[in-house]
Amino acid sequence: MMNTQELKIKYKKLLNKAAKANGRKETVSYLNRAANIKSKLYSKTKVSCFRCNGVGFLRISLDETKTCLSCYGRGFLIKEIY
């Protein structure tokens, strides 16, 4: 079983890979793996995204919205535990 520090490192690496991924399927697979690790580590430390306020998308006009890239559409960020 990995300890907390190793899981944090693996989580950050997966998020970096997702940001640099080429296609949608590759990005989603990295984000799903990171979500599994996140659920083990940070079950109660969700913080609403500063750009979308926890909604997961940014409203551009009344008819158009775009996915928030700060939180990858999930609506929350992870608070660092030291």
PDB file of N, CA and C in Angstrom:
ATOM      1  N   MET A   1       0.832  -1.180   0.000  1.00  0.00           N
ATOM      2  CA  MET A   1       0.000   0.000   0.000  1.00  0.00           C
ATOM      3  C   MET A   1       0.876   1.243   0.000  1.00  0.00           C
ATOM      4  N   MET A   2       0.545   2.190  -0.847  1.00  0.00           N
ATOM      5  CA  MET A   2       1.315   3.429  -0.933  1.00  0.00           C
ATOM      6  C   MET A   2       0.966   4.357   0.226  1.00  0.00           C
ATOM      7  N   ASN A   3       1.959   5.099   0.682  1.00  0.00           N
ATOM      8  CA  ASN A   3       1.669   6.068   1.731  1.00  0.00           C
ATOM      9  C   ASN A   3       1.140   7.363   1.117  1.00  0.00           C
ATOM     10  N   THR A   4       0.765   8.304   1.968  1.00  0.00           N
ATOM     11  CA  THR A   4       0.112   9.530   1.524  1.00  0.00           C
ATOM     12  C   THR A   4       1.005  10.354   0.613  1.00  0.00           C
ATOM     13  N   GLN A   5       2.274  10.455   0.945  1.00  0.00           N
ATOM     14  CA  GLN A   5       3.203  11.271   0.138  1.00  0.00           C
ATOM     15  C   GLN A   5       3.344  10.706  -1.275  1.00  0.00           C
ATOM     16  N   GLU A   6       3.455   9.394  -1.397  1.00  0.00           N
ATOM     17  CA  GLU A   6       3.567   8.774  -2.721  1.00  0.00           C
ATOM     18  C   GLU A   6       2.287   8.975  -3.536  1.00  0.00           C
ATOM     19  N   LEU A   7       1.131   8.896  -2.876  1.00  0.00           N
ATOM     20  CA  LEU A   7      -0.132   9.111  -3.578  1.00  0.00           C
ATOM     21  C   LEU A   7      -0.254  10.547  -4.071  1.00  0.00           C
ATOM     22  N   LYS A   8       0.198  11.515  -3.269  1.00  0.00           N
ATOM     23  CA  LYS A   8       0.170  12.920  -3.689  1.00  0.00           C
ATOM     24  C   LYS A   8       1.033  13.137  -4.920  1.00  0.00           C
ATOM     25  N   ILE A   9       2.218  12.532  -4.928  1.00  0.00           N
ATOM     26  CA  ILE A   9       3.131  12.672  -6.070  1.00  0.00           C
ATOM     27  C   ILE A   9       2.505  12.059  -7.323  1.00  0.00           C
ATOM     28  N   LYS A  10       1.930  10.878  -7.179  1.00  0.00           N
ATOM     29  CA  LYS A  10       1.307  10.213  -8.322  1.00  0.00           C
ATOM     30  C   LYS A  10       0.113  11.020  -8.842  1.00  0.00           C
ATOM     31  N   TYR A  11      -0.662  11.616  -7.925  1.00  0.00           N
ATOM     32  CA  TYR A  11      -1.813  12.440  -8.307  1.00  0.00           C
ATOM     33  C   TYR A  11      -1.365  13.652  -9.113  1.00  0.00           C
ATOM     34  N   LYS A  12      -0.332  14.339  -8.656  1.00  0.00           N
ATOM     35  CA  LYS A  12       0.170  15.521  -9.369  1.00  0.00           C
ATOM     36  C   LYS A  12       0.726  15.145 -10.741  1.00  0.00           C
ATOM     37  N   LYS A  13       1.402  14.002 -10.848  1.00  0.00           N
ATOM     38  CA  LYS A  13       1.928  13.557 -12.135  1.00  0.00           C
ATOM     39  C   LYS A  13       0.793  13.273 -13.118  1.00  0.00           C
ATOM     40  N   LEU A  14      -0.274  12.645 -12.634  1.00  0.00           N
ATOM     41  CA  LEU A  14      -1.401  12.353 -13.517  1.00  0.00           C
ATOM     42  C   LEU A  14      -2.085  13.635 -13.997  1.00  0.00           C
ATOM     43  N   LEU A  15      -2.207  14.636 -13.131  1.00  0.00           N
ATOM     44  CA  LEU A  15      -2.799  15.900 -13.562  1.00  0.00           C
ATOM     45  C   LEU A  15      -1.917  16.611 -14.586  1.00  0.00           C
ATOM     46  N   ASN A  16      -0.606  16.533 -14.414  1.00  0.00           N
ATOM     47  CA  ASN A  16       0.299  17.127 -15.398  1.00  0.00           C
ATOM     48  C   ASN A  16       0.195  16.407 -16.734  1.00  0.00           C
ATOM     49  N   LYS A  17       0.092  15.078 -16.705  1.00  0.00           N
ATOM     50  CA  LYS A  17      -0.070  14.319 -17.944  1.00  0.00           C
ATOM     51  C   LYS A  17      -1.391  14.670 -18.624  1.00  0.00           C
ATOM     52  N   ALA A  18      -2.447  14.871 -17.832  1.00  0.00           N
ATOM     53  CA  ALA A  18      -3.753  15.223 -18.406  1.00  0.00           C
ATOM     54  C   ALA A  18      -3.703  16.588 -19.079  1.00  0.00           C
ATOM     55  N   ALA A  19      -2.965  17.508 -18.496  1.00  0.00           N
ATOM     56  CA  ALA A  19      -2.854  18.844 -19.086  1.00  0.00           C
ATOM     57  C   ALA A  19      -2.076  18.811 -20.401  1.00  0.00           C
ATOM     58  N   LYS A  20      -1.163  17.857 -20.541  1.00  0.00           N
ATOM     59  CA  LYS A  20      -0.330  17.768 -21.743  1.00  0.00           C
ATOM     60  C   LYS A  20      -0.827  16.729 -22.741  1.00  0.00           C
ATOM     61  N   ALA A  21      -1.932  16.057 -22.444  1.00  0.00           N
ATOM     62  CA  ALA A  21      -2.429  14.980 -23.296  1.00  0.00           C
ATOM     63  C   ALA A  21      -2.893  15.513 -24.644  1.00  0.00           C
ATOM     64  N   ASN A  22      -2.829  14.645 -25.656  1.00  0.00           N
ATOM     65  CA  ASN A  22      -3.182  15.031 -27.017  1.00  0.00           C
ATOM     66  C   ASN A  22      -4.673  14.958 -27.297  1.00  0.00           C
ATOM     67  N   GLY A  23      -5.308  13.877 -26.932  1.00  0.00           N
ATOM     68  CA  GLY A  23      -6.704  13.688 -27.305  1.00  0.00           C
ATOM     69  C   GLY A  23      -7.631  13.654 -26.104  1.00  0.00           C
ATOM     70  N   ARG A  24      -8.916  13.647 -26.401  1.00  0.00           N
ATOM     71  CA  ARG A  24      -9.933  13.647 -25.359  1.00  0.00           C
ATOM     72  C   ARG A  24      -9.910  12.355 -24.544  1.00  0.00           C
ATOM     73  N   LYS A  25      -9.808  11.209 -25.219  1.00  0.00           N
ATOM     74  CA  LYS A  25      -9.818   9.923 -24.521  1.00  0.00           C
ATOM     75  C   LYS A  25      -8.625   9.778 -23.584  1.00  0.00           C
ATOM     76  N   GLU A  26      -7.471  10.225 -24.043  1.00  0.00           N
ATOM     77  CA  GLU A  26      -6.269  10.158 -23.220  1.00  0.00           C
ATOM     78  C   GLU A  26      -6.411  11.053 -21.987  1.00  0.00           C
ATOM     79  N   THR A  27      -6.944  12.252 -22.184  1.00  0.00           N
ATOM     80  CA  THR A  27      -7.140  13.183 -21.075  1.00  0.00           C
ATOM     81  C   THR A  27      -8.124  12.618 -20.061  1.00  0.00           C
ATOM     82  N   VAL A  28      -9.220  12.056 -20.544  1.00  0.00           N
ATOM     83  CA  VAL A  28     -10.229  11.496 -19.652  1.00  0.00           C
ATOM     84  C   VAL A  28      -9.672  10.316 -18.861  1.00  0.00           C
ATOM     85  N   SER A  29      -8.867   9.489 -19.484  1.00  0.00           N
ATOM     86  CA  SER A  29      -8.303   8.349 -18.756  1.00  0.00           C
ATOM     87  C   SER A  29      -7.375   8.809 -17.643  1.00  0.00           C
ATOM     88  N   TYR A  30      -6.552   9.834 -17.901  1.00  0.00           N
ATOM     89  CA  TYR A  30      -5.685  10.370 -16.848  1.00  0.00           C
ATOM     90  C   TYR A  30      -6.506  10.991 -15.723  1.00  0.00           C
ATOM     91  N   LEU A  31      -7.551  11.728 -16.086  1.00  0.00           N
ATOM     92  CA  LEU A  31      -8.378  12.370 -15.071  1.00  0.00           C
ATOM     93  C   LEU A  31      -9.147  11.352 -14.229  1.00  0.00           C
ATOM     94  N   ASN A  32      -9.586  10.259 -14.833  1.00  0.00           N
ATOM     95  CA  ASN A  32     -10.267   9.214 -14.072  1.00  0.00           C
ATOM     96  C   ASN A  32      -9.318   8.538 -13.085  1.00  0.00           C
ATOM     97  N   ARG A  33      -8.098   8.272 -13.513  1.00  0.00           N
ATOM     98  CA  ARG A  33      -7.109   7.690 -12.593  1.00  0.00           C
ATOM     99  C   ARG A  33      -6.812   8.650 -11.447  1.00  0.00           C
ATOM    100  N   ALA A  34      -6.677   9.935 -11.776  1.00  0.00           N
ATOM    101  CA  ALA A  34      -6.406  10.937 -10.741  1.00  0.00           C
ATOM    102  C   ALA A  34      -7.591  11.047  -9.778  1.00  0.00           C
ATOM    103  N   ALA A  35      -8.802  10.915 -10.276  1.00  0.00           N
ATOM    104  CA  ALA A  35      -9.984  10.998  -9.417  1.00  0.00           C
ATOM    105  C   ALA A  35     -10.022   9.849  -8.419  1.00  0.00           C
ATOM    106  N   ASN A  36      -9.593   8.670  -8.850  1.00  0.00           N
ATOM    107  CA  ASN A  36      -9.539   7.533  -7.930  1.00  0.00           C
ATOM    108  C   ASN A  36      -8.542   7.775  -6.809  1.00  0.00           C
ATOM    109  N   ILE A  37      -7.396   8.331  -7.152  1.00  0.00           N
ATOM    110  CA  ILE A  37      -6.388   8.632  -6.136  1.00  0.00           C
ATOM    111  C   ILE A  37      -6.876   9.748  -5.227  1.00  0.00           C
ATOM    112  N   LYS A  38      -7.519  10.759  -5.812  1.00  0.00           N
ATOM    113  CA  LYS A  38      -8.025  11.881  -5.030  1.00  0.00           C
ATOM    114  C   LYS A  38      -9.042  11.433  -4.007  1.00  0.00           C
ATOM    115  N   SER A  39      -9.898  10.509  -4.384  1.00  0.00           N
ATOM    116  CA  SER A  39     -10.920  10.047  -3.452  1.00  0.00           C
ATOM    117  C   SER A  39     -10.307   9.335  -2.254  1.00  0.00           C
ATOM    118  N   LYS A  40      -9.176   8.704  -2.449  1.00  0.00           N
ATOM    119  CA  LYS A  40      -8.483   8.065  -1.331  1.00  0.00           C
ATOM    120  C   LYS A  40      -7.858   9.098  -0.406  1.00  0.00           C
ATOM    121  N   LEU A  41      -7.323  10.162  -0.983  1.00  0.00           N
ATOM    122  CA  LEU A  41      -6.590  11.154  -0.197  1.00  0.00           C
ATOM    123  C   LEU A  41      -7.463  12.247   0.394  1.00  0.00           C
ATOM    124  N   TYR A  42      -8.263  12.863  -0.454  1.00  0.00           N
ATOM    125  CA  TYR A  42      -8.905  14.120  -0.103  1.00  0.00           C
ATOM    126  C   TYR A  42     -10.421  14.009  -0.106  1.00  0.00           C
ATOM    127  N   SER A  43     -10.977  13.179   0.721  1.00  0.00           N
ATOM    128  CA  SER A  43     -12.422  13.000   0.680  1.00  0.00           C
ATOM    129  C   SER A  43     -13.174  14.210   1.227  1.00  0.00           C
ATOM    130  N   LYS A  44     -12.544  14.978   2.131  1.00  0.00           N
ATOM    131  CA  LYS A  44     -13.272  16.083   2.756  1.00  0.00           C
ATOM    132  C   LYS A  44     -12.613  17.432   2.549  1.00  0.00           C
ATOM    133  N   THR A  45     -11.721  17.568   1.597  1.00  0.00           N
ATOM    134  CA  THR A  45     -11.020  18.844   1.422  1.00  0.00           C
ATOM    135  C   THR A  45     -11.320  19.485   0.078  1.00  0.00           C
ATOM    136  N   LYS A  46     -12.554  19.419  -0.342  1.00  0.00           N
ATOM    137  CA  LYS A  46     -12.940  20.055  -1.602  1.00  0.00           C
ATOM    138  C   LYS A  46     -13.088  21.551  -1.392  1.00  0.00           C
ATOM    139  N   VAL A  47     -12.576  22.325  -2.329  1.00  0.00           N
ATOM    140  CA  VAL A  47     -12.708  23.778  -2.318  1.00  0.00           C
ATOM    141  C   VAL A  47     -13.329  24.174  -3.647  1.00  0.00           C
ATOM    142  N   SER A  48     -14.322  25.029  -3.612  1.00  0.00           N
ATOM    143  CA  SER A  48     -14.950  25.469  -4.859  1.00  0.00           C
ATOM    144  C   SER A  48     -13.921  26.158  -5.747  1.00  0.00           C
ATOM    145  N   CYS A  49     -14.025  25.928  -7.029  1.00  0.00           N
ATOM    146  CA  CYS A  49     -13.115  26.523  -8.007  1.00  0.00           C
ATOM    147  C   CYS A  49     -13.265  28.039  -7.980  1.00  0.00           C
ATOM    148  N   PHE A  50     -12.146  28.748  -8.060  1.00  0.00           N
ATOM    149  CA  PHE A  50     -12.176  30.209  -8.012  1.00  0.00           C
ATOM    150  C   PHE A  50     -12.684  30.825  -9.297  1.00  0.00           C
ATOM    151  N   ARG A  51     -12.640  30.095 -10.405  1.00  0.00           N
ATOM    152  CA  ARG A  51     -13.113  30.668 -11.668  1.00  0.00           C
ATOM    153  C   ARG A  51     -14.587  30.414 -11.923  1.00  0.00           C
ATOM    154  N   CYS A  52     -15.065  29.222 -11.599  1.00  0.00           N
ATOM    155  CA  CYS A  52     -16.461  28.892 -11.916  1.00  0.00           C
ATOM    156  C   CYS A  52     -17.344  28.793 -10.671  1.00  0.00           C
ATOM    157  N   ASN A  53     -16.787  29.018  -9.488  1.00  0.00           N
ATOM    158  CA  ASN A  53     -17.518  28.967  -8.219  1.00  0.00           C
ATOM    159  C   ASN A  53     -18.225  27.632  -7.991  1.00  0.00           C
ATOM    160  N   GLY A  54     -17.598  26.540  -8.388  1.00  0.00           N
ATOM    161  CA  GLY A  54     -18.139  25.213  -8.125  1.00  0.00           C
ATOM    162  C   GLY A  54     -19.159  24.714  -9.118  1.00  0.00           C
ATOM    163  N   VAL A  55     -19.369  25.427 -10.206  1.00  0.00           N
ATOM    164  CA  VAL A  55     -20.355  25.009 -11.190  1.00  0.00           C
ATOM    165  C   VAL A  55     -19.757  24.018 -12.185  1.00  0.00           C
ATOM    166  N   GLY A  56     -18.512  24.233 -12.592  1.00  0.00           N
ATOM    167  CA  GLY A  56     -17.860  23.343 -13.546  1.00  0.00           C
ATOM    168  C   GLY A  56     -17.837  23.885 -14.955  1.00  0.00           C
ATOM    169  N   PHE A  57     -18.562  24.964 -15.206  1.00  0.00           N
ATOM    170  CA  PHE A  57     -18.551  25.574 -16.538  1.00  0.00           C
ATOM    171  C   PHE A  57     -18.610  27.091 -16.399  1.00  0.00           C
ATOM    172  N   LEU A  58     -18.164  27.769 -17.408  1.00  0.00           N
ATOM    173  CA  LEU A  58     -18.181  29.223 -17.450  1.00  0.00           C
ATOM    174  C   LEU A  58     -19.229  29.671 -18.457  1.00  0.00           C
ATOM    175  N   ARG A  59     -20.135  30.527 -18.039  1.00  0.00           N
ATOM    176  CA  ARG A  59     -21.164  31.037 -18.941  1.00  0.00           C
ATOM    177  C   ARG A  59     -20.602  32.217 -19.710  1.00  0.00           C
ATOM    178  N   ILE A  60     -20.588  32.095 -21.030  1.00  0.00           N
ATOM    179  CA  ILE A  60     -20.079  33.146 -21.894  1.00  0.00           C
ATOM    180  C   ILE A  60     -21.213  34.090 -22.286  1.00  0.00           C
ATOM    181  N   SER A  61     -22.308  33.525 -22.677  1.00  0.00           N
ATOM    182  CA  SER A  61     -23.501  34.309 -22.995  1.00  0.00           C
ATOM    183  C   SER A  61     -24.703  33.499 -22.510  1.00  0.00           C
ATOM    184  N   LEU A  62     -25.889  33.959 -22.807  1.00  0.00           N
ATOM    185  CA  LEU A  62     -27.073  33.224 -22.364  1.00  0.00           C
ATOM    186  C   LEU A  62     -27.201  31.869 -23.037  1.00  0.00           C
ATOM    187  N   ASP A  63     -26.663  31.744 -24.238  1.00  0.00           N
ATOM    188  CA  ASP A  63     -26.815  30.508 -24.996  1.00  0.00           C
ATOM    189  C   ASP A  63     -25.558  29.642 -25.013  1.00  0.00           C
ATOM    190  N   GLU A  64     -24.456  30.114 -24.479  1.00  0.00           N
ATOM    191  CA  GLU A  64     -23.200  29.396 -24.653  1.00  0.00           C
ATOM    192  C   GLU A  64     -22.461  29.270 -23.329  1.00  0.00           C
ATOM    193  N   THR A  65     -21.945  28.067 -23.074  1.00  0.00           N
ATOM    194  CA  THR A  65     -21.102  27.825 -21.901  1.00  0.00           C
ATOM    195  C   THR A  65     -19.890  27.028 -22.333  1.00  0.00           C
ATOM    196  N   LYS A  66     -18.817  27.153 -21.579  1.00  0.00           N
ATOM    197  CA  LYS A  66     -17.604  26.381 -21.833  1.00  0.00           C
ATOM    198  C   LYS A  66     -17.150  25.728 -20.538  1.00  0.00           C
ATOM    199  N   THR A  67     -16.510  24.582 -20.650  1.00  0.00           N
ATOM    200  CA  THR A  67     -15.990  23.880 -19.487  1.00  0.00           C
ATOM    201  C   THR A  67     -14.865  24.680 -18.851  1.00  0.00           C
ATOM    202  N   CYS A  68     -14.883  24.764 -17.545  1.00  0.00           N
ATOM    203  CA  CYS A  68     -13.829  25.466 -16.804  1.00  0.00           C
ATOM    204  C   CYS A  68     -12.565  24.619 -16.843  1.00  0.00           C
ATOM    205  N   LEU A  69     -11.472  25.188 -17.309  1.00  0.00           N
ATOM    206  CA  LEU A  69     -10.230  24.431 -17.414  1.00  0.00           C
ATOM    207  C   LEU A  69      -9.399  24.470 -16.137  1.00  0.00           C
ATOM    208  N   SER A  70      -9.744  25.305 -15.197  1.00  0.00           N
ATOM    209  CA  SER A  70      -9.024  25.320 -13.921  1.00  0.00           C
ATOM    210  C   SER A  70      -9.346  24.079 -13.100  1.00  0.00           C
ATOM    211  N   CYS A  71     -10.602  23.680 -13.122  1.00  0.00           N
ATOM    212  CA  CYS A  71     -11.008  22.496 -12.350  1.00  0.00           C
ATOM    213  C   CYS A  71     -11.383  21.325 -13.263  1.00  0.00           C
ATOM    214  N   TYR A  72     -11.195  21.465 -14.559  1.00  0.00           N
ATOM    215  CA  TYR A  72     -11.529  20.444 -15.560  1.00  0.00           C
ATOM    216  C   TYR A  72     -13.006  20.054 -15.507  1.00  0.00           C
ATOM    217  N   GLY A  73     -13.868  21.018 -15.205  1.00  0.00           N
ATOM    218  CA  GLY A  73     -15.305  20.780 -15.231  1.00  0.00           C
ATOM    219  C   GLY A  73     -15.855  20.076 -14.013  1.00  0.00           C
ATOM    220  N   ARG A  74     -15.049  19.847 -13.018  1.00  0.00           N
ATOM    221  CA  ARG A  74     -15.523  19.151 -11.825  1.00  0.00           C
ATOM    222  C   ARG A  74     -16.087  20.112 -10.787  1.00  0.00           C
ATOM    223  N   GLY A  75     -15.717  21.383 -10.843  1.00  0.00           N
ATOM    224  CA  GLY A  75     -16.280  22.367  -9.942  1.00  0.00           C
ATOM    225  C   GLY A  75     -15.551  22.553  -8.648  1.00  0.00           C
ATOM    226  N   PHE A  76     -14.510  21.774  -8.414  1.00  0.00           N
ATOM    227  CA  PHE A  76     -13.773  21.942  -7.171  1.00  0.00           C
ATOM    228  C   PHE A  76     -12.293  21.747  -7.403  1.00  0.00           C
ATOM    229  N   LEU A  77     -11.512  22.303  -6.510  1.00  0.00           N
ATOM    230  CA  LEU A  77     -10.067  22.140  -6.499  1.00  0.00           C
ATOM    231  C   LEU A  77      -9.692  21.421  -5.205  1.00  0.00           C
ATOM    232  N   ILE A  78      -8.474  20.945  -5.146  1.00  0.00           N
ATOM    233  CA  ILE A  78      -8.012  20.226  -3.972  1.00  0.00           C
ATOM    234  C   ILE A  78      -7.168  21.149  -3.112  1.00  0.00           C
ATOM    235  N   LYS A  79      -7.512  21.263  -1.853  1.00  0.00           N
ATOM    236  CA  LYS A  79      -6.708  22.053  -0.919  1.00  0.00           C
ATOM    237  C   LYS A  79      -5.510  21.208  -0.474  1.00  0.00           C
ATOM    238  N   GLU A  80      -4.339  21.801  -0.478  1.00  0.00           N
ATOM    239  CA  GLU A  80      -3.137  21.079  -0.063  1.00  0.00           C
ATOM    240  C   GLU A  80      -3.147  20.815   1.429  1.00  0.00           C
ATOM    241  N   ILE A  81      -2.815  19.604   1.818  1.00  0.00           N
ATOM    242  CA  ILE A  81      -2.676  19.242   3.215  1.00  0.00           C
ATOM    243  C   ILE A  81      -1.196  19.107   3.514  1.00  0.00           C
ATOM    244  N   TYR A  82      -0.727  19.861   4.472  1.00  0.00           N
ATOM    245  CA  TYR A  82       0.700  19.837   4.795  1.00  0.00           C
ATOM    246  C   TYR A  82       0.980  19.030   6.021  1.00  0.00           C
TER     247      TYR A  82
END
